[in-house]
Amino acid sequence: MSTTTAAETDEQQTTVTVRCTGHVRTALGTHELTFEFEGDTLREFLDEFFAEYDVADLLIAETDEEATAHGWADVDDPPGSWRKNPEGENTRCYARVCVNGRFNENLDGLDTKLEDDDRVALIYPFMFCC
């Protein structure tokens, strides 16, 4: 018969520094905050962060159409190697989510592991066109 302690059944708590730019910063009213959440992945962080702060619509694209900028270049055969998250896990045009200065799609997407004191940047710049 095995016994489980309370500490073993509790979900891991992770504390990260969140830095925000552009529209996200405006919506939150700050450029930096500390956020503690249950779990250790970017997906778990975003789920809890968006439950507390209503900024998911600024960052997350629900379709490839919302994630794609139009008119910049022909994307049928882009040069180099391009990585992106699966549909439903992409950011909106120009919006980005970074972990310790690296775009999440260049890590493990929303399954990127987070540790205490990691930095998560939520970036949605102000865009001005002529």
C-alpha atoms as a PDB file:
ATOM      1  CA  MET A   1       0.000   0.000   0.000  1.00  0.00           C
ATOM      2  CA  SER A   2       1.525   3.326  -1.061  1.00  0.00           C
ATOM      3  CA  THR A   3       0.991   6.601   0.683  1.00  0.00           C
ATOM      4  CA  THR A   4       0.985   9.938  -1.080  1.00  0.00           C
ATOM      5  CA  THR A   5       1.925  13.105   0.722  1.00  0.00           C
ATOM      6  CA  ALA A   6       0.118  16.399   0.131  1.00  0.00           C
ATOM      7  CA  ALA A   7       3.234  17.821  -1.536  1.00  0.00           C
ATOM      8  CA  GLU A   8       3.265  14.964  -4.060  1.00  0.00           C
ATOM      9  CA  THR A   9      -0.354  15.568  -5.112  1.00  0.00           C
ATOM     10  CA  ASP A  10      -0.054  19.337  -5.459  1.00  0.00           C
ATOM     11  CA  GLU A  11       0.668  20.685  -8.913  1.00  0.00           C
ATOM     12  CA  GLN A  12       4.064  22.302  -9.355  1.00  0.00           C
ATOM     13  CA  GLN A  13       4.051  26.076  -8.868  1.00  0.00           C
ATOM     14  CA  THR A  14       6.239  28.122 -11.204  1.00  0.00           C
ATOM     15  CA  THR A  15       6.953  31.835 -10.894  1.00  0.00           C
ATOM     16  CA  VAL A  16       7.997  33.812 -13.965  1.00  0.00           C
ATOM     17  CA  THR A  17       8.626  37.435 -14.833  1.00  0.00           C
ATOM     18  CA  VAL A  18       6.205  38.678 -17.483  1.00  0.00           C
ATOM     19  CA  ARG A  19       7.256  41.579 -19.680  1.00  0.00           C
ATOM     20  CA  CYS A  20       4.768  43.255 -21.973  1.00  0.00           C
ATOM     21  CA  THR A  21       4.995  45.654 -24.909  1.00  0.00           C
ATOM     22  CA  GLY A  22       2.611  47.641 -27.079  1.00  0.00           C
ATOM     23  CA  HIS A  23      -1.072  46.850 -26.826  1.00  0.00           C
ATOM     24  CA  VAL A  24      -0.524  44.205 -24.136  1.00  0.00           C
ATOM     25  CA  ARG A  25       1.295  46.732 -21.945  1.00  0.00           C
ATOM     26  CA  THR A  26      -1.528  49.224 -22.448  1.00  0.00           C
ATOM     27  CA  ALA A  27      -4.192  46.634 -21.572  1.00  0.00           C
ATOM     28  CA  LEU A  28      -2.365  45.524 -18.407  1.00  0.00           C
ATOM     29  CA  GLY A  29      -1.243  48.988 -17.368  1.00  0.00           C
ATOM     30  CA  THR A  30       2.308  47.810 -16.669  1.00  0.00           C
ATOM     31  CA  HIS A  31       5.363  46.659 -18.578  1.00  0.00           C
ATOM     32  CA  GLU A  32       6.454  44.008 -16.063  1.00  0.00           C
ATOM     33  CA  LEU A  33       4.950  41.777 -13.404  1.00  0.00           C
ATOM     34  CA  THR A  34       5.646  38.546 -11.565  1.00  0.00           C
ATOM     35  CA  PHE A  35       3.161  35.726 -12.146  1.00  0.00           C
ATOM     36  CA  GLU A  36       2.827  32.406 -10.305  1.00  0.00           C
ATOM     37  CA  PHE A  37       0.904  29.559 -11.910  1.00  0.00           C
ATOM     38  CA  GLU A  38       0.262  25.847 -11.483  1.00  0.00           C
ATOM     39  CA  GLY A  39       2.330  23.754 -13.864  1.00  0.00           C
ATOM     40  CA  ASP A  40       5.569  24.177 -15.767  1.00  0.00           C
ATOM     41  CA  THR A  41       4.719  24.749 -19.426  1.00  0.00           C
ATOM     42  CA  LEU A  42       4.060  27.833 -21.501  1.00  0.00           C
ATOM     43  CA  ARG A  43       0.582  26.448 -22.272  1.00  0.00           C
ATOM     44  CA  GLU A  44      -0.276  26.217 -18.552  1.00  0.00           C
ATOM     45  CA  PHE A  45       1.138  29.698 -17.967  1.00  0.00           C
ATOM     46  CA  LEU A  46      -0.916  31.207 -20.803  1.00  0.00           C
ATOM     47  CA  ASP A  47      -4.120  29.440 -19.682  1.00  0.00           C
ATOM     48  CA  GLU A  48      -3.828  30.876 -16.169  1.00  0.00           C
ATOM     49  CA  PHE A  49      -2.531  34.267 -17.293  1.00  0.00           C
ATOM     50  CA  PHE A  50      -5.391  34.724 -19.776  1.00  0.00           C
ATOM     51  CA  ALA A  51      -7.911  33.633 -17.125  1.00  0.00           C
ATOM     52  CA  GLU A  52      -6.663  36.469 -14.914  1.00  0.00           C
ATOM     53  CA  TYR A  53      -5.852  39.058 -17.590  1.00  0.00           C
ATOM     54  CA  ASP A  54      -8.125  39.434 -20.631  1.00  0.00           C
ATOM     55  CA  VAL A  55      -5.424  39.751 -23.314  1.00  0.00           C
ATOM     56  CA  ALA A  56      -5.676  36.436 -25.180  1.00  0.00           C
ATOM     57  CA  ASP A  57      -7.397  38.095 -28.158  1.00  0.00           C
ATOM     58  CA  LEU A  58      -4.416  40.431 -28.528  1.00  0.00           C
ATOM     59  CA  LEU A  59      -1.932  37.567 -28.794  1.00  0.00           C
ATOM     60  CA  ILE A  60      -3.379  34.221 -29.869  1.00  0.00           C
ATOM     61  CA  ALA A  61      -4.660  33.529 -33.395  1.00  0.00           C
ATOM     62  CA  GLU A  62      -7.430  30.982 -33.691  1.00  0.00           C
ATOM     63  CA  THR A  63      -6.883  30.425 -37.418  1.00  0.00           C
ATOM     64  CA  ASP A  64      -3.976  30.580 -39.854  1.00  0.00           C
ATOM     65  CA  GLU A  65      -5.718  33.582 -41.450  1.00  0.00           C
ATOM     66  CA  GLU A  66      -5.382  35.573 -38.192  1.00  0.00           C
ATOM     67  CA  ALA A  67      -1.709  34.577 -37.947  1.00  0.00           C
ATOM     68  CA  THR A  68      -0.724  35.627 -41.459  1.00  0.00           C
ATOM     69  CA  ALA A  69       0.329  39.087 -42.613  1.00  0.00           C
ATOM     70  CA  HIS A  70      -0.863  39.908 -46.108  1.00  0.00           C
ATOM     71  CA  GLY A  71       0.891  41.770 -48.893  1.00  0.00           C
ATOM     72  CA  TRP A  72       4.455  41.539 -47.676  1.00  0.00           C
ATOM     73  CA  ALA A  73       5.822  38.625 -49.689  1.00  0.00           C
ATOM     74  CA  ASP A  74       4.742  35.566 -51.636  1.00  0.00           C
ATOM     75  CA  VAL A  75       4.596  32.819 -49.021  1.00  0.00           C
ATOM     76  CA  ASP A  76       4.189  29.870 -51.409  1.00  0.00           C
ATOM     77  CA  ASP A  77       7.910  29.109 -51.238  1.00  0.00           C
ATOM     78  CA  PRO A  78       9.583  31.157 -48.476  1.00  0.00           C
ATOM     79  CA  PRO A  79      13.395  31.127 -48.321  1.00  0.00           C
ATOM     80  CA  GLY A  80      15.230  29.332 -45.526  1.00  0.00           C
ATOM     81  CA  SER A  81      13.581  27.229 -42.877  1.00  0.00           C
ATOM     82  CA  TRP A  82      10.394  28.555 -41.349  1.00  0.00           C
ATOM     83  CA  ARG A  83       8.936  27.154 -38.157  1.00  0.00           C
ATOM     84  CA  LYS A  84       5.501  27.887 -36.805  1.00  0.00           C
ATOM     85  CA  ASN A  85       3.215  26.472 -34.202  1.00  0.00           C
ATOM     86  CA  PRO A  86       0.261  24.280 -35.190  1.00  0.00           C
ATOM     87  CA  GLU A  87      -3.016  26.011 -36.099  1.00  0.00           C
ATOM     88  CA  GLY A  88      -4.731  27.227 -32.945  1.00  0.00           C
ATOM     89  CA  GLU A  89      -1.365  27.729 -31.208  1.00  0.00           C
ATOM     90  CA  ASN A  90      -0.105  30.592 -33.376  1.00  0.00           C
ATOM     91  CA  THR A  91       0.163  34.205 -32.409  1.00  0.00           C
ATOM     92  CA  ARG A  92      -1.653  36.937 -34.298  1.00  0.00           C
ATOM     93  CA  CYS A  93       0.138  38.910 -37.014  1.00  0.00           C
ATOM     94  CA  TYR A  94       3.002  40.837 -35.437  1.00  0.00           C
ATOM     95  CA  ALA A  95       2.291  39.429 -31.950  1.00  0.00           C
ATOM     96  CA  ARG A  96       4.889  37.172 -30.348  1.00  0.00           C
ATOM     97  CA  VAL A  97       5.415  35.134 -27.185  1.00  0.00           C
ATOM     98  CA  CYS A  98       9.035  34.741 -26.124  1.00  0.00           C
ATOM     99  CA  VAL A  99      10.678  32.709 -23.388  1.00  0.00           C
ATOM    100  CA  ASN A 100      14.008  34.066 -22.199  1.00  0.00           C
ATOM    101  CA  GLY A 101      14.339  36.097 -25.390  1.00  0.00           C
ATOM    102  CA  ARG A 102      13.518  33.277 -27.832  1.00  0.00           C
ATOM    103  CA  PHE A 103      10.341  32.955 -29.886  1.00  0.00           C
ATOM    104  CA  ASN A 104       8.251  30.053 -28.582  1.00  0.00           C
ATOM    105  CA  GLU A 105       8.001  28.431 -32.030  1.00  0.00           C
ATOM    106  CA  ASN A 106      11.795  28.114 -32.030  1.00  0.00           C
ATOM    107  CA  LEU A 107      11.567  26.208 -28.744  1.00  0.00           C
ATOM    108  CA  ASP A 108       8.811  23.649 -28.100  1.00  0.00           C
ATOM    109  CA  GLY A 109       5.859  25.915 -28.903  1.00  0.00           C
ATOM    110  CA  LEU A 110       3.257  26.020 -26.155  1.00  0.00           C
ATOM    111  CA  ASP A 111       4.817  22.874 -24.641  1.00  0.00           C
ATOM    112  CA  THR A 112       8.014  24.798 -23.795  1.00  0.00           C
ATOM    113  CA  LYS A 113       9.030  24.033 -20.211  1.00  0.00           C
ATOM    114  CA  LEU A 114       9.233  26.993 -17.849  1.00  0.00           C
ATOM    115  CA  GLU A 115      11.281  27.251 -14.679  1.00  0.00           C
ATOM    116  CA  ASP A 116      11.215  29.695 -11.792  1.00  0.00           C
ATOM    117  CA  ASP A 117      12.673  33.082 -12.769  1.00  0.00           C
ATOM    118  CA  ASP A 118      12.218  32.533 -16.517  1.00  0.00           C
ATOM    119  CA  ARG A 119      11.161  35.609 -18.496  1.00  0.00           C
ATOM    120  CA  VAL A 120       8.039  35.448 -20.658  1.00  0.00           C
ATOM    121  CA  ALA A 121       7.540  38.337 -23.070  1.00  0.00           C
ATOM    122  CA  LEU A 122       4.074  39.073 -24.453  1.00  0.00           C
ATOM    123  CA  ILE A 123       4.653  41.276 -27.474  1.00  0.00           C
ATOM    124  CA  TYR A 124       2.050  43.018 -29.591  1.00  0.00           C
ATOM    125  CA  PRO A 125       3.628  46.204 -30.944  1.00  0.00           C
ATOM    126  CA  PHE A 126       1.807  49.307 -32.020  1.00  0.00           C
ATOM    127  CA  MET A 127       1.822  49.317 -35.836  1.00  0.00           C
ATOM    128  CA  PHE A 128       1.497  52.412 -37.933  1.00  0.00           C
ATOM    129  CA  CYS A 129       1.238  52.280 -41.699  1.00  0.00           C
ATOM    130  CA  CYS A 130       1.117  55.065 -44.234  1.00  0.00           C
END
